[in-house]
PDB file of N, CA and C in Angstrom:
ATOM      1  N   MET A   1      65.269 -64.443  33.895  1.00  0.00           N
ATOM      2  CA  MET A   1      65.553 -63.319  33.019  1.00  0.00           C
ATOM      3  C   MET A   1      64.492 -62.222  33.158  1.00  0.00           C
ATOM      4  N   VAL A   2      63.227 -62.636  33.256  1.00  0.00           N
ATOM      5  CA  VAL A   2      62.144 -61.659  33.383  1.00  0.00           C
ATOM      6  C   VAL A   2      62.268 -60.900  34.704  1.00  0.00           C
ATOM      7  N   ARG A   3      62.648 -61.601  35.769  1.00  0.00           N
ATOM      8  CA  ARG A   3      62.795 -60.953  37.067  1.00  0.00           C
ATOM      9  C   ARG A   3      63.863 -59.864  37.009  1.00  0.00           C
ATOM     10  N   GLU A   4      64.972 -60.147  36.335  1.00  0.00           N
ATOM     11  CA  GLU A   4      66.040 -59.155  36.217  1.00  0.00           C
ATOM     12  C   GLU A   4      65.584 -57.935  35.425  1.00  0.00           C
ATOM     13  N   LEU A   5      64.819 -58.157  34.363  1.00  0.00           N
ATOM     14  CA  LEU A   5      64.318 -57.032  33.566  1.00  0.00           C
ATOM     15  C   LEU A   5      63.352 -56.170  34.379  1.00  0.00           C
ATOM     16  N   ARG A   6      62.508 -56.805  35.173  1.00  0.00           N
ATOM     17  CA  ARG A   6      61.600 -56.051  36.036  1.00  0.00           C
ATOM     18  C   ARG A   6      62.374 -55.235  37.063  1.00  0.00           C
ATOM     19  N   ASP A   7      63.420 -55.828  37.599  1.00  0.00           N
ATOM     20  CA  ASP A   7      64.252 -55.114  38.569  1.00  0.00           C
ATOM     21  C   ASP A   7      64.896 -53.893  37.916  1.00  0.00           C
ATOM     22  N   ILE A   8      65.423 -54.066  36.720  1.00  0.00           N
ATOM     23  CA  ILE A   8      66.054 -52.951  36.000  1.00  0.00           C
ATOM     24  C   ILE A   8      65.027 -51.857  35.708  1.00  0.00           C
ATOM     25  N   CYS A   9      63.839 -52.254  35.249  1.00  0.00           N
ATOM     26  CA  CYS A   9      62.789 -51.271  34.963  1.00  0.00           C
ATOM     27  C   CYS A   9      62.375 -50.525  36.227  1.00  0.00           C
ATOM     28  N   GLY A  10      62.282 -51.237  37.327  1.00  0.00           N
ATOM     29  CA  GLY A  10      61.935 -50.596  38.596  1.00  0.00           C
ATOM     30  C   GLY A  10      62.985 -49.593  39.026  1.00  0.00           C
ATOM     31  N   ARG A  11      64.230 -49.957  38.857  1.00  0.00           N
ATOM     32  CA  ARG A  11      65.313 -49.035  39.232  1.00  0.00           C
ATOM     33  C   ARG A  11      65.326 -47.802  38.337  1.00  0.00           C
ATOM     34  N   ILE A  12      65.063 -47.997  37.060  1.00  0.00           N
ATOM     35  CA  ILE A  12      64.998 -46.858  36.136  1.00  0.00           C
ATOM     36  C   ILE A  12      63.843 -45.937  36.525  1.00  0.00           C
ATOM     37  N   ALA A  13      62.702 -46.512  36.878  1.00  0.00           N
ATOM     38  CA  ALA A  13      61.555 -45.703  37.305  1.00  0.00           C
ATOM     39  C   ALA A  13      61.893 -44.896  38.564  1.00  0.00           C
ATOM     40  N   GLU A  14      62.598 -45.517  39.507  1.00  0.00           N
ATOM     41  CA  GLU A  14      63.010 -44.801  40.715  1.00  0.00           C
ATOM     42  C   GLU A  14      63.943 -43.647  40.374  1.00  0.00           C
ATOM     43  N   LEU A  15      64.871 -43.869  39.448  1.00  0.00           N
ATOM     44  CA  LEU A  15      65.787 -42.803  39.042  1.00  0.00           C
ATOM     45  C   LEU A  15      65.039 -41.650  38.388  1.00  0.00           C
ATOM     46  N   ILE A  16      64.057 -41.967  37.562  1.00  0.00           N
ATOM     47  CA  ILE A  16      63.266 -40.914  36.918  1.00  0.00           C
ATOM     48  C   ILE A  16      62.568 -40.071  37.976  1.00  0.00           C
ATOM     49  N   ASP A  17      62.006 -40.695  39.008  1.00  0.00           N
ATOM     50  CA  ASP A  17      61.365 -39.954  40.094  1.00  0.00           C
ATOM     51  C   ASP A  17      62.370 -39.092  40.843  1.00  0.00           C
ATOM     52  N   LEU A  18      63.548 -39.633  41.114  1.00  0.00           N
ATOM     53  CA  LEU A  18      64.570 -38.861  41.823  1.00  0.00           C
ATOM     54  C   LEU A  18      65.037 -37.660  41.003  1.00  0.00           C
ATOM     55  N   PHE A  19      65.189 -37.852  39.695  1.00  0.00           N
ATOM     56  CA  PHE A  19      65.598 -36.732  38.837  1.00  0.00           C
ATOM     57  C   PHE A  19      64.520 -35.651  38.819  1.00  0.00           C
ATOM     58  N   ALA A  20      63.257 -36.046  38.813  1.00  0.00           N
ATOM     59  CA  ALA A  20      62.170 -35.065  38.847  1.00  0.00           C
ATOM     60  C   ALA A  20      62.205 -34.274  40.154  1.00  0.00           C
ATOM     61  N   GLU A  21      62.446 -34.950  41.269  1.00  0.00           N
ATOM     62  CA  GLU A  21      62.557 -34.255  42.555  1.00  0.00           C
ATOM     63  C   GLU A  21      63.768 -33.326  42.563  1.00  0.00           C
ATOM     64  N   ALA A  22      64.866 -33.760  41.988  1.00  0.00           N
ATOM     65  CA  ALA A  22      66.067 -32.926  41.936  1.00  0.00           C
ATOM     66  C   ALA A  22      65.812 -31.668  41.107  1.00  0.00           C
ATOM     67  N   ASP A  23      65.042 -31.793  40.031  1.00  0.00           N
ATOM     68  CA  ASP A  23      64.704 -30.626  39.219  1.00  0.00           C
ATOM     69  C   ASP A  23      63.900 -29.615  40.024  1.00  0.00           C
ATOM     70  N   ILE A  24      62.981 -30.095  40.857  1.00  0.00           N
ATOM     71  CA  ILE A  24      62.170 -29.207  41.689  1.00  0.00           C
ATOM     72  C   ILE A  24      63.062 -28.461  42.675  1.00  0.00           C
ATOM     73  N   VAL A  25      63.990 -29.176  43.301  1.00  0.00           N
ATOM     74  CA  VAL A  25      64.908 -28.546  44.258  1.00  0.00           C
ATOM     75  C   VAL A  25      65.794 -27.520  43.551  1.00  0.00           C
ATOM     76  N   LEU A  26      66.290 -27.858  42.374  1.00  0.00           N
ATOM     77  CA  LEU A  26      67.140 -26.929  41.629  1.00  0.00           C
ATOM     78  C   LEU A  26      66.376 -25.672  41.252  1.00  0.00           C
ATOM     79  N   GLU A  27      65.155 -25.810  40.767  1.00  0.00           N
ATOM     80  CA  GLU A  27      64.355 -24.639  40.397  1.00  0.00           C
ATOM     81  C   GLU A  27      64.108 -23.741  41.604  1.00  0.00           C
ATOM     82  N   ALA A  28      63.801 -24.323  42.744  1.00  0.00           N
ATOM     83  CA  ALA A  28      63.567 -23.538  43.961  1.00  0.00           C
ATOM     84  C   ALA A  28      64.847 -22.828  44.391  1.00  0.00           C
ATOM     85  N   THR A  29      65.964 -23.509  44.278  1.00  0.00           N
ATOM     86  CA  THR A  29      67.245 -22.921  44.660  1.00  0.00           C
ATOM     87  C   THR A  29      67.604 -21.748  43.762  1.00  0.00           C
ATOM     88  N   LEU A  30      67.369 -21.881  42.488  1.00  0.00           N
ATOM     89  CA  LEU A  30      67.698 -20.799  41.565  1.00  0.00           C
ATOM     90  C   LEU A  30      66.788 -19.595  41.759  1.00  0.00           C
ATOM     91  N   ARG A  31      65.542 -19.822  42.192  1.00  0.00           N
ATOM     92  CA  ARG A  31      64.614 -18.716  42.448  1.00  0.00           C
ATOM     93  C   ARG A  31      65.001 -17.950  43.698  1.00  0.00           C
ATOM     94  N   GLU A  32      65.558 -18.623  44.672  1.00  0.00           N
ATOM     95  CA  GLU A  32      65.833 -18.003  45.963  1.00  0.00           C
ATOM     96  C   GLU A  32      67.330 -18.002  46.254  1.00  0.00           C
ATOM     97  N   THR A  33      68.065 -17.274  45.439  1.00  0.00           N
ATOM     98  CA  THR A  33      69.506 -17.233  45.635  1.00  0.00           C
ATOM     99  C   THR A  33      69.848 -16.461  46.905  1.00  0.00           C
ATOM    100  N   LEU A  34      70.947 -16.819  47.503  1.00  0.00           N
ATOM    101  CA  LEU A  34      71.389 -16.179  48.731  1.00  0.00           C
ATOM    102  C   LEU A  34      72.393 -15.083  48.419  1.00  0.00           C
ATOM    103  N   SER A  35      72.351 -14.049  49.215  1.00  0.00           N
ATOM    104  CA  SER A  35      73.314 -12.959  49.056  1.00  0.00           C
ATOM    105  C   SER A  35      74.587 -13.301  49.831  1.00  0.00           C
ATOM    106  N   ARG A  36      75.643 -12.558  49.562  1.00  0.00           N
ATOM    107  CA  ARG A  36      76.891 -12.748  50.309  1.00  0.00           C
ATOM    108  C   ARG A  36      76.647 -12.472  51.795  1.00  0.00           C
ATOM    109  N   GLU A  37      75.800 -11.498  52.095  1.00  0.00           N
ATOM    110  CA  GLU A  37      75.491 -11.163  53.488  1.00  0.00           C
ATOM    111  C   GLU A  37      74.778 -12.336  54.184  1.00  0.00           C
ATOM    112  N   ALA A  38      73.821 -12.955  53.493  1.00  0.00           N
ATOM    113  CA  ALA A  38      73.093 -14.083  54.079  1.00  0.00           C
ATOM    114  C   ALA A  38      74.017 -15.268  54.324  1.00  0.00           C
ATOM    115  N   LEU A  39      75.056 -15.388  53.530  1.00  0.00           N
ATOM    116  CA  LEU A  39      76.029 -16.472  53.689  1.00  0.00           C
ATOM    117  C   LEU A  39      77.157 -16.104  54.639  1.00  0.00           C
ATOM    118  N   ALA A  40      77.081 -14.911  55.237  1.00  0.00           N
ATOM    119  CA  ALA A  40      78.087 -14.404  56.170  1.00  0.00           C
ATOM    120  C   ALA A  40      79.457 -14.281  55.505  1.00  0.00           C
ATOM    121  N   LEU A  41      79.455 -13.835  54.246  1.00  0.00           N
ATOM    122  CA  LEU A  41      80.705 -13.598  53.528  1.00  0.00           C
ATOM    123  C   LEU A  41      80.994 -12.106  53.501  1.00  0.00           C
ATOM    124  N   ASP A  42      82.261 -11.773  53.396  1.00  0.00           N
ATOM    125  CA  ASP A  42      82.641 -10.369  53.295  1.00  0.00           C
ATOM    126  C   ASP A  42      82.091  -9.781  51.998  1.00  0.00           C
ATOM    127  N   PRO A  43      81.698  -8.506  52.022  1.00  0.00           N
ATOM    128  CA  PRO A  43      81.222  -7.878  50.787  1.00  0.00           C
ATOM    129  C   PRO A  43      82.353  -7.792  49.767  1.00  0.00           C
ATOM    130  N   VAL A  44      81.989  -7.764  48.521  1.00  0.00           N
ATOM    131  CA  VAL A  44      82.979  -7.657  47.453  1.00  0.00           C
ATOM    132  C   VAL A  44      83.517  -6.238  47.452  1.00  0.00           C
ATOM    133  N   MET A  45      84.818  -6.122  47.522  1.00  0.00           N
ATOM    134  CA  MET A  45      85.455  -4.807  47.507  1.00  0.00           C
ATOM    135  C   MET A  45      85.681  -4.391  46.066  1.00  0.00           C
ATOM    136  N   GLU A  46      85.242  -3.179  45.722  1.00  0.00           N
ATOM    137  CA  GLU A  46      85.444  -2.686  44.370  1.00  0.00           C
ATOM    138  C   GLU A  46      86.874  -2.214  44.232  1.00  0.00           C
ATOM    139  N   ASP A  47      87.465  -2.515  43.102  1.00  0.00           N
ATOM    140  CA  ASP A  47      88.820  -2.086  42.798  1.00  0.00           C
ATOM    141  C   ASP A  47      88.807  -0.601  42.456  1.00  0.00           C
ATOM    142  N   ALA A  48      89.770   0.141  42.972  1.00  0.00           N
ATOM    143  CA  ALA A  48      89.843   1.580  42.726  1.00  0.00           C
ATOM    144  C   ALA A  48      89.951   1.867  41.236  1.00  0.00           C
ATOM    145  N   ASN A  49      90.512   0.943  40.467  1.00  0.00           N
ATOM    146  CA  ASN A  49      90.667   1.139  39.023  1.00  0.00           C
ATOM    147  C   ASN A  49      89.360   0.914  38.265  1.00  0.00           C
ATOM    148  N   ASP A  50      88.332   0.385  38.947  1.00  0.00           N
ATOM    149  CA  ASP A  50      87.048   0.108  38.272  1.00  0.00           C
ATOM    150  C   ASP A  50      86.117   1.304  38.281  1.00  0.00           C
ATOM    151  N   GLY A  51      86.484   2.391  38.937  1.00  0.00           N
ATOM    152  CA  GLY A  51      85.618   3.553  39.041  1.00  0.00           C
ATOM    153  C   GLY A  51      85.503   4.285  37.719  1.00  0.00           C
ATOM    154  N   PRO A  52      84.600   5.277  37.663  1.00  0.00           N
ATOM    155  CA  PRO A  52      84.428   6.063  36.427  1.00  0.00           C
ATOM    156  C   PRO A  52      85.691   6.869  36.123  1.00  0.00           C
ATOM    157  N   ASP A  53      85.966   7.011  34.862  1.00  0.00           N
ATOM    158  CA  ASP A  53      87.160   7.762  34.428  1.00  0.00           C
ATOM    159  C   ASP A  53      86.870   9.225  34.267  1.00  0.00           C
TER     160      ASP A  53
END
């Protein structure tokens, strides 16, 4: 029983570390967003009805 509890605790500790790493990656990604041009996407075309009246 003790061995199983240690295994569970170890797995939980590993998950906590992975979540911390994922947070770092997410923060970096949000800081450095890519433009449509960098992603090789067509520019957004403005609708003629969206212009000033």
